């Protein structure tokens, strides 16, 4: 995440985890949102880098982290429903 700093990364992680959980119909604790968001941020950064997409700043990092978080949570949501 370029240009956001440590506090920004934590905030983006929490927001991304929360958005991902809401989009998949899940409710978790703040810690889970943060953990999912940080894993999603790493996944989103890898995907964006692989596709040669450069996302800079708060909004770009939030987009990458949210997409990564949704991709991270989706398999759990599919298996949980069965």
PDB file of N, CA and C in Angstrom:
ATOM      1  N   UNK A   1       0.844  -1.165   0.000  1.00  0.00           N
ATOM      2  CA  UNK A   1       0.000   0.000   0.000  1.00  0.00           C
ATOM      3  C   UNK A   1       0.889   1.227   0.000  1.00  0.00           C
ATOM      4  N   UNK A   2       0.944   1.868  -1.106  1.00  0.00           N
ATOM      5  CA  UNK A   2       1.830   3.011  -1.253  1.00  0.00           C
ATOM      6  C   UNK A   2       1.223   4.268  -0.638  1.00  0.00           C
ATOM      7  N   UNK A   3       2.013   4.933   0.181  1.00  0.00           N
ATOM      8  CA  UNK A   3       1.671   6.251   0.663  1.00  0.00           C
ATOM      9  C   UNK A   3       0.627   6.334   1.761  1.00  0.00           C
ATOM     10  N   UNK A   4       0.417   5.287   2.554  1.00  0.00           N
ATOM     11  CA  UNK A   4      -0.603   5.375   3.595  1.00  0.00           C
ATOM     12  C   UNK A   4      -0.048   5.185   5.008  1.00  0.00           C
ATOM     13  N   UNK A   5       1.082   4.593   5.196  1.00  0.00           N
ATOM     14  CA  UNK A   5       1.656   4.396   6.518  1.00  0.00           C
ATOM     15  C   UNK A   5       1.003   3.259   7.283  1.00  0.00           C
ATOM     16  N   UNK A   6       1.546   2.977   8.459  1.00  0.00           N
ATOM     17  CA  UNK A   6       1.085   1.852   9.266  1.00  0.00           C
ATOM     18  C   UNK A   6      -0.350   2.044   9.757  1.00  0.00           C
ATOM     19  N   UNK A   7      -0.663   3.215  10.316  1.00  0.00           N
ATOM     20  CA  UNK A   7      -2.021   3.464  10.798  1.00  0.00           C
ATOM     21  C   UNK A   7      -3.019   3.397   9.653  1.00  0.00           C
ATOM     22  N   UNK A   8      -2.639   3.918   8.506  1.00  0.00           N
ATOM     23  CA  UNK A   8      -3.508   3.863   7.332  1.00  0.00           C
ATOM     24  C   UNK A   8      -3.756   2.440   6.879  1.00  0.00           C
ATOM     25  N   UNK A   9      -2.721   1.602   6.928  1.00  0.00           N
ATOM     26  CA  UNK A   9      -2.875   0.199   6.544  1.00  0.00           C
ATOM     27  C   UNK A   9      -3.827  -0.531   7.483  1.00  0.00           C
ATOM     28  N   UNK A  10      -3.726  -0.258   8.776  1.00  0.00           N
ATOM     29  CA  UNK A  10      -4.622  -0.886   9.747  1.00  0.00           C
ATOM     30  C   UNK A  10      -6.052  -0.422   9.519  1.00  0.00           C
ATOM     31  N   UNK A  11      -6.242   0.870   9.312  1.00  0.00           N
ATOM     32  CA  UNK A  11      -7.575   1.412   9.053  1.00  0.00           C
ATOM     33  C   UNK A  11      -8.166   0.848   7.758  1.00  0.00           C
ATOM     34  N   UNK A  12      -7.361   0.797   6.727  1.00  0.00           N
ATOM     35  CA  UNK A  12      -7.806   0.234   5.448  1.00  0.00           C
ATOM     36  C   UNK A  12      -8.141  -1.244   5.614  1.00  0.00           C
ATOM     37  N   UNK A  13      -7.333  -1.967   6.372  1.00  0.00           N
ATOM     38  CA  UNK A  13      -7.603  -3.381   6.622  1.00  0.00           C
ATOM     39  C   UNK A  13      -8.930  -3.595   7.327  1.00  0.00           C
ATOM     40  N   UNK A  14      -9.206  -2.786   8.346  1.00  0.00           N
ATOM     41  CA  UNK A  14     -10.480  -2.911   9.056  1.00  0.00           C
ATOM     42  C   UNK A  14     -11.657  -2.590   8.145  1.00  0.00           C
ATOM     43  N   UNK A  15     -11.537  -1.511   7.388  1.00  0.00           N
ATOM     44  CA  UNK A  15     -12.618  -1.143   6.467  1.00  0.00           C
ATOM     45  C   UNK A  15     -12.833  -2.199   5.393  1.00  0.00           C
ATOM     46  N   UNK A  16     -11.754  -2.695   4.830  1.00  0.00           N
ATOM     47  CA  UNK A  16     -11.864  -3.706   3.778  1.00  0.00           C
ATOM     48  C   UNK A  16     -12.462  -4.996   4.319  1.00  0.00           C
ATOM     49  N   UNK A  17     -12.046  -5.413   5.504  1.00  0.00           N
ATOM     50  CA  UNK A  17     -12.616  -6.617   6.117  1.00  0.00           C
ATOM     51  C   UNK A  17     -14.097  -6.442   6.412  1.00  0.00           C
ATOM     52  N   UNK A  18     -14.471  -5.262   6.871  1.00  0.00           N
ATOM     53  CA  UNK A  18     -15.875  -4.966   7.162  1.00  0.00           C
ATOM     54  C   UNK A  18     -16.711  -4.967   5.889  1.00  0.00           C
ATOM     55  N   UNK A  19     -16.216  -4.312   4.838  1.00  0.00           N
ATOM     56  CA  UNK A  19     -16.929  -4.269   3.553  1.00  0.00           C
ATOM     57  C   UNK A  19     -17.074  -5.676   2.978  1.00  0.00           C
ATOM     58  N   UNK A  20     -16.008  -6.459   3.037  1.00  0.00           N
ATOM     59  CA  UNK A  20     -16.054  -7.829   2.514  1.00  0.00           C
ATOM     60  C   UNK A  20     -17.061  -8.676   3.296  1.00  0.00           C
ATOM     61  N   UNK A  21     -17.058  -8.555   4.608  1.00  0.00           N
ATOM     62  CA  UNK A  21     -17.992  -9.332   5.424  1.00  0.00           C
ATOM     63  C   UNK A  21     -19.434  -8.927   5.146  1.00  0.00           C
ATOM     64  N   UNK A  22     -19.674  -7.630   4.996  1.00  0.00           N
ATOM     65  CA  UNK A  22     -21.029  -7.162   4.668  1.00  0.00           C
ATOM     66  C   UNK A  22     -21.475  -7.660   3.306  1.00  0.00           C
ATOM     67  N   UNK A  23     -20.578  -7.640   2.338  1.00  0.00           N
ATOM     68  CA  UNK A  23     -20.959  -8.064   0.992  1.00  0.00           C
ATOM     69  C   UNK A  23     -21.254  -9.560   0.932  1.00  0.00           C
ATOM     70  N   UNK A  24     -20.673 -10.337   1.848  1.00  0.00           N
ATOM     71  CA  UNK A  24     -20.913 -11.774   1.875  1.00  0.00           C
ATOM     72  C   UNK A  24     -21.912 -12.174   2.961  1.00  0.00           C
ATOM     73  N   UNK A  25     -22.506 -11.184   3.644  1.00  0.00           N
ATOM     74  CA  UNK A  25     -23.525 -11.468   4.650  1.00  0.00           C
ATOM     75  C   UNK A  25     -22.982 -12.064   5.931  1.00  0.00           C
ATOM     76  N   UNK A  26     -21.803 -11.671   6.341  1.00  0.00           N
ATOM     77  CA  UNK A  26     -21.175 -12.193   7.556  1.00  0.00           C
ATOM     78  C   UNK A  26     -21.068 -11.096   8.606  1.00  0.00           C
ATOM     79  N   UNK A  27     -21.065 -11.497   9.875  1.00  0.00           N
ATOM     80  CA  UNK A  27     -20.844 -10.569  10.987  1.00  0.00           C
ATOM     81  C   UNK A  27     -19.732 -11.146  11.851  1.00  0.00           C
ATOM     82  N   UNK A  28     -18.714 -10.325  12.109  1.00  0.00           N
ATOM     83  CA  UNK A  28     -17.566 -10.768  12.895  1.00  0.00           C
ATOM     84  C   UNK A  28     -17.163  -9.667  13.859  1.00  0.00           C
ATOM     85  N   UNK A  29     -16.136  -9.925  14.639  1.00  0.00           N
ATOM     86  CA  UNK A  29     -15.607  -8.924  15.554  1.00  0.00           C
ATOM     87  C   UNK A  29     -14.648  -7.990  14.819  1.00  0.00           C
ATOM     88  N   UNK A  30     -14.293  -6.891  15.469  1.00  0.00           N
ATOM     89  CA  UNK A  30     -13.370  -5.925  14.884  1.00  0.00           C
ATOM     90  C   UNK A  30     -12.024  -6.562  14.589  1.00  0.00           C
ATOM     91  N   UNK A  31     -11.566  -7.443  15.470  1.00  0.00           N
ATOM     92  CA  UNK A  31     -10.286  -8.125  15.256  1.00  0.00           C
ATOM     93  C   UNK A  31     -10.330  -8.987  13.999  1.00  0.00           C
ATOM     94  N   UNK A  32     -11.422  -9.688  13.783  1.00  0.00           N
ATOM     95  CA  UNK A  32     -11.557 -10.530  12.593  1.00  0.00           C
ATOM     96  C   UNK A  32     -11.586  -9.658  11.346  1.00  0.00           C
ATOM     97  N   UNK A  33     -12.310  -8.531  11.399  1.00  0.00           N
ATOM     98  CA  UNK A  33     -12.330  -7.609  10.258  1.00  0.00           C
ATOM     99  C   UNK A  33     -10.917  -7.151   9.928  1.00  0.00           C
ATOM    100  N   UNK A  34     -10.151  -6.814  10.963  1.00  0.00           N
ATOM    101  CA  UNK A  34      -8.793  -6.333  10.743  1.00  0.00           C
ATOM    102  C   UNK A  34      -7.910  -7.439  10.163  1.00  0.00           C
ATOM    103  N   UNK A  35      -8.000  -8.641  10.705  1.00  0.00           N
ATOM    104  CA  UNK A  35      -7.176  -9.747  10.212  1.00  0.00           C
ATOM    105  C   UNK A  35      -7.530 -10.091   8.766  1.00  0.00           C
ATOM    106  N   UNK A  36      -8.821 -10.189   8.480  1.00  0.00           N
ATOM    107  CA  UNK A  36      -9.263 -10.495   7.107  1.00  0.00           C
ATOM    108  C   UNK A  36      -8.835  -9.378   6.169  1.00  0.00           C
ATOM    109  N   UNK A  37      -8.974  -8.143   6.611  1.00  0.00           N
ATOM    110  CA  UNK A  37      -8.583  -7.010   5.774  1.00  0.00           C
ATOM    111  C   UNK A  37      -7.100  -6.971   5.479  1.00  0.00           C
ATOM    112  N   UNK A  38      -6.279  -7.293   6.467  1.00  0.00           N
ATOM    113  CA  UNK A  38      -4.835  -7.281   6.235  1.00  0.00           C
ATOM    114  C   UNK A  38      -4.412  -8.420   5.312  1.00  0.00           C
ATOM    115  N   UNK A  39      -4.998  -9.594   5.490  1.00  0.00           N
ATOM    116  CA  UNK A  39      -4.719 -10.703   4.561  1.00  0.00           C
ATOM    117  C   UNK A  39      -5.235 -10.335   3.170  1.00  0.00           C
ATOM    118  N   UNK A  40      -6.422  -9.744   3.122  1.00  0.00           N
ATOM    119  CA  UNK A  40      -6.986  -9.315   1.845  1.00  0.00           C
ATOM    120  C   UNK A  40      -6.152  -8.236   1.174  1.00  0.00           C
ATOM    121  N   UNK A  41      -5.567  -7.348   1.977  1.00  0.00           N
ATOM    122  CA  UNK A  41      -4.703  -6.305   1.416  1.00  0.00           C
ATOM    123  C   UNK A  41      -3.472  -6.913   0.759  1.00  0.00           C
ATOM    124  N   UNK A  42      -2.891  -7.914   1.418  1.00  0.00           N
ATOM    125  CA  UNK A  42      -1.737  -8.590   0.812  1.00  0.00           C
ATOM    126  C   UNK A  42      -2.146  -9.318  -0.466  1.00  0.00           C
ATOM    127  N   UNK A  43      -3.275  -9.997  -0.420  1.00  0.00           N
ATOM    128  CA  UNK A  43      -3.763 -10.707  -1.597  1.00  0.00           C
ATOM    129  C   UNK A  43      -4.099  -9.727  -2.723  1.00  0.00           C
ATOM    130  N   UNK A  44      -4.749  -8.634  -2.378  1.00  0.00           N
ATOM    131  CA  UNK A  44      -5.087  -7.616  -3.379  1.00  0.00           C
ATOM    132  C   UNK A  44      -3.862  -6.985  -4.003  1.00  0.00           C
ATOM    133  N   UNK A  45      -2.830  -6.759  -3.183  1.00  0.00           N
ATOM    134  CA  UNK A  45      -1.589  -6.184  -3.706  1.00  0.00           C
ATOM    135  C   UNK A  45      -0.917  -7.149  -4.682  1.00  0.00           C
ATOM    136  N   UNK A  46      -0.914  -8.440  -4.355  1.00  0.00           N
ATOM    137  CA  UNK A  46      -0.308  -9.449  -5.239  1.00  0.00           C
ATOM    138  C   UNK A  46      -1.083  -9.519  -6.559  1.00  0.00           C
ATOM    139  N   UNK A  47      -2.405  -9.519  -6.478  1.00  0.00           N
ATOM    140  CA  UNK A  47      -3.235  -9.586  -7.687  1.00  0.00           C
ATOM    141  C   UNK A  47      -3.037  -8.342  -8.542  1.00  0.00           C
ATOM    142  N   UNK A  48      -3.070  -7.167  -7.915  1.00  0.00           N
ATOM    143  CA  UNK A  48      -2.879  -5.922  -8.666  1.00  0.00           C
ATOM    144  C   UNK A  48      -1.493  -5.868  -9.294  1.00  0.00           C
ATOM    145  N   UNK A  49      -0.490  -6.339  -8.570  1.00  0.00           N
ATOM    146  CA  UNK A  49       0.869  -6.371  -9.119  1.00  0.00           C
ATOM    147  C   UNK A  49       0.986  -7.341 -10.277  1.00  0.00           C
ATOM    148  N   UNK A  50       0.314  -8.470 -10.164  1.00  0.00           N
ATOM    149  CA  UNK A  50       0.341  -9.454 -11.242  1.00  0.00           C
ATOM    150  C   UNK A  50      -0.346  -8.966 -12.496  1.00  0.00           C
ATOM    151  N   UNK A  51      -1.376  -8.147 -12.303  1.00  0.00           N
ATOM    152  CA  UNK A  51      -2.088  -7.571 -13.445  1.00  0.00           C
ATOM    153  C   UNK A  51      -1.508  -6.232 -13.884  1.00  0.00           C
ATOM    154  N   UNK A  52      -0.412  -5.837 -13.219  1.00  0.00           N
ATOM    155  CA  UNK A  52       0.278  -4.575 -13.491  1.00  0.00           C
ATOM    156  C   UNK A  52      -0.644  -3.375 -13.335  1.00  0.00           C
ATOM    157  N   UNK A  53      -1.473  -3.417 -12.290  1.00  0.00           N
ATOM    158  CA  UNK A  53      -2.351  -2.293 -11.943  1.00  0.00           C
ATOM    159  C   UNK A  53      -1.731  -1.595 -10.747  1.00  0.00           C
ATOM    160  N   UNK A  54      -1.508  -0.299 -10.849  1.00  0.00           N
ATOM    161  CA  UNK A  54      -0.902   0.460  -9.763  1.00  0.00           C
ATOM    162  C   UNK A  54      -1.987   1.269  -9.062  1.00  0.00           C
ATOM    163  N   UNK A  55      -2.256   0.919  -7.819  1.00  0.00           N
ATOM    164  CA  UNK A  55      -3.242   1.621  -7.012  1.00  0.00           C
ATOM    165  C   UNK A  55      -2.513   2.357  -5.900  1.00  0.00           C
ATOM    166  N   UNK A  56      -2.651   3.675  -5.868  1.00  0.00           N
ATOM    167  CA  UNK A  56      -1.899   4.508  -4.938  1.00  0.00           C
ATOM    168  C   UNK A  56      -2.867   5.249  -4.030  1.00  0.00           C
ATOM    169  N   UNK A  57      -2.455   5.466  -2.798  1.00  0.00           N
ATOM    170  CA  UNK A  57      -3.226   6.257  -1.857  1.00  0.00           C
ATOM    171  C   UNK A  57      -4.294   5.453  -1.134  1.00  0.00           C
ATOM    172  N   UNK A  58      -5.092   6.165  -0.354  1.00  0.00           N
ATOM    173  CA  UNK A  58      -6.093   5.534   0.492  1.00  0.00           C
ATOM    174  C   UNK A  58      -7.145   4.796  -0.318  1.00  0.00           C
ATOM    175  N   UNK A  59      -7.710   5.451  -1.310  1.00  0.00           N
ATOM    176  CA  UNK A  59      -8.798   4.852  -2.093  1.00  0.00           C
ATOM    177  C   UNK A  59      -8.300   3.659  -2.900  1.00  0.00           C
ATOM    178  N   UNK A  60      -7.166   3.787  -3.539  1.00  0.00           N
ATOM    179  CA  UNK A  60      -6.608   2.678  -4.309  1.00  0.00           C
ATOM    180  C   UNK A  60      -6.282   1.482  -3.431  1.00  0.00           C
ATOM    181  N   UNK A  61      -5.708   1.753  -2.260  1.00  0.00           N
ATOM    182  CA  UNK A  61      -5.394   0.676  -1.325  1.00  0.00           C
ATOM    183  C   UNK A  61      -6.661   0.033  -0.784  1.00  0.00           C
ATOM    184  N   UNK A  62      -7.697   0.838  -0.542  1.00  0.00           N
ATOM    185  CA  UNK A  62      -8.969   0.298  -0.058  1.00  0.00           C
ATOM    186  C   UNK A  62      -9.613  -0.600  -1.104  1.00  0.00           C
ATOM    187  N   UNK A  63      -9.534  -0.214  -2.356  1.00  0.00           N
ATOM    188  CA  UNK A  63     -10.091  -1.043  -3.434  1.00  0.00           C
ATOM    189  C   UNK A  63      -9.358  -2.383  -3.509  1.00  0.00           C
ATOM    190  N   UNK A  64      -8.034  -2.336  -3.524  1.00  0.00           N
ATOM    191  CA  UNK A  64      -7.250  -3.577  -3.601  1.00  0.00           C
ATOM    192  C   UNK A  64      -7.494  -4.463  -2.387  1.00  0.00           C
ATOM    193  N   UNK A  65      -7.534  -3.870  -1.199  1.00  0.00           N
ATOM    194  CA  UNK A  65      -7.742  -4.648   0.022  1.00  0.00           C
ATOM    195  C   UNK A  65      -9.144  -5.247   0.073  1.00  0.00           C
ATOM    196  N   UNK A  66     -10.134  -4.502  -0.388  1.00  0.00           N
ATOM    197  CA  UNK A  66     -11.509  -5.004  -0.375  1.00  0.00           C
ATOM    198  C   UNK A  66     -11.671  -6.167  -1.349  1.00  0.00           C
ATOM    199  N   UNK A  67     -11.129  -6.021  -2.541  1.00  0.00           N
ATOM    200  CA  UNK A  67     -11.202  -7.114  -3.523  1.00  0.00           C
ATOM    201  C   UNK A  67     -10.472  -8.347  -2.988  1.00  0.00           C
ATOM    202  N   UNK A  68      -9.299  -8.139  -2.427  1.00  0.00           N
ATOM    203  CA  UNK A  68      -8.556  -9.256  -1.849  1.00  0.00           C
ATOM    204  C   UNK A  68      -9.289  -9.905  -0.682  1.00  0.00           C
ATOM    205  N   UNK A  69      -9.936  -9.094   0.152  1.00  0.00           N
ATOM    206  CA  UNK A  69     -10.684  -9.627   1.295  1.00  0.00           C
ATOM    207  C   UNK A  69     -11.890 -10.433   0.851  1.00  0.00           C
ATOM    208  N   UNK A  70     -12.574  -9.954  -0.167  1.00  0.00           N
ATOM    209  CA  UNK A  70     -13.723 -10.700  -0.692  1.00  0.00           C
ATOM    210  C   UNK A  70     -13.259 -12.027  -1.276  1.00  0.00           C
ATOM    211  N   UNK A  71     -12.168 -12.002  -2.017  1.00  0.00           N
ATOM    212  CA  UNK A  71     -11.637 -13.241  -2.584  1.00  0.00           C
ATOM    213  C   UNK A  71     -11.159 -14.197  -1.495  1.00  0.00           C
ATOM    214  N   UNK A  72     -10.660 -13.642  -0.397  1.00  0.00           N
ATOM    215  CA  UNK A  72     -10.206 -14.471   0.722  1.00  0.00           C
ATOM    216  C   UNK A  72     -11.386 -15.087   1.475  1.00  0.00           C
ATOM    217  N   UNK A  73     -12.463 -14.324   1.665  1.00  0.00           N
ATOM    218  CA  UNK A  73     -13.612 -14.801   2.427  1.00  0.00           C
ATOM    219  C   UNK A  73     -14.583 -15.662   1.617  1.00  0.00           C
ATOM    220  N   UNK A  74     -14.599 -15.502   0.312  1.00  0.00           N
ATOM    221  CA  UNK A  74     -15.587 -16.201  -0.529  1.00  0.00           C
ATOM    222  C   UNK A  74     -15.549 -17.723  -0.361  1.00  0.00           C
ATOM    223  N   UNK A  75     -14.391 -18.374  -0.365  1.00  0.00           N
ATOM    224  CA  UNK A  75     -14.410 -19.834  -0.172  1.00  0.00           C
ATOM    225  C   UNK A  75     -14.999 -20.247   1.180  1.00  0.00           C
ATOM    226  N   UNK A  76     -14.734 -19.467   2.225  1.00  0.00           N
ATOM    227  CA  UNK A  76     -15.298 -19.774   3.534  1.00  0.00           C
ATOM    228  C   UNK A  76     -16.811 -19.636   3.517  1.00  0.00           C
ATOM    229  N   UNK A  77     -17.292 -18.612   2.819  1.00  0.00           N
ATOM    230  CA  UNK A  77     -18.739 -18.401   2.722  1.00  0.00           C
ATOM    231  C   UNK A  77     -19.410 -19.533   1.945  1.00  0.00           C
ATOM    232  N   UNK A  78     -18.769 -20.021   0.909  1.00  0.00           N
ATOM    233  CA  UNK A  78     -19.343 -21.106   0.104  1.00  0.00           C
ATOM    234  C   UNK A  78     -19.418 -22.391   0.930  1.00  0.00           C
ATOM    235  N   UNK A  79     -18.319 -22.732   1.618  1.00  0.00           N
ATOM    236  CA  UNK A  79     -18.310 -23.965   2.401  1.00  0.00           C
ATOM    237  C   UNK A  79     -19.190 -23.880   3.639  1.00  0.00           C
ATOM    238  N   UNK A  80     -19.351 -22.694   4.176  1.00  0.00           N
ATOM    239  CA  UNK A  80     -20.155 -22.506   5.384  1.00  0.00           C
ATOM    240  C   UNK A  80     -21.637 -22.705   5.091  1.00  0.00           C
ATOM    241  N   UNK A  81     -22.074 -22.364   3.897  1.00  0.00           N
ATOM    242  CA  UNK A  81     -23.484 -22.475   3.527  1.00  0.00           C
ATOM    243  C   UNK A  81     -23.914 -23.925   3.339  1.00  0.00           C
ATOM    244  N   UNK A  82     -22.982 -24.797   3.010  1.00  0.00           N
ATOM    245  CA  UNK A  82     -23.326 -26.205   2.752  1.00  0.00           C
ATOM    246  C   UNK A  82     -23.508 -26.986   4.003  1.00  0.00           C
TER     247      UNK A  82
END
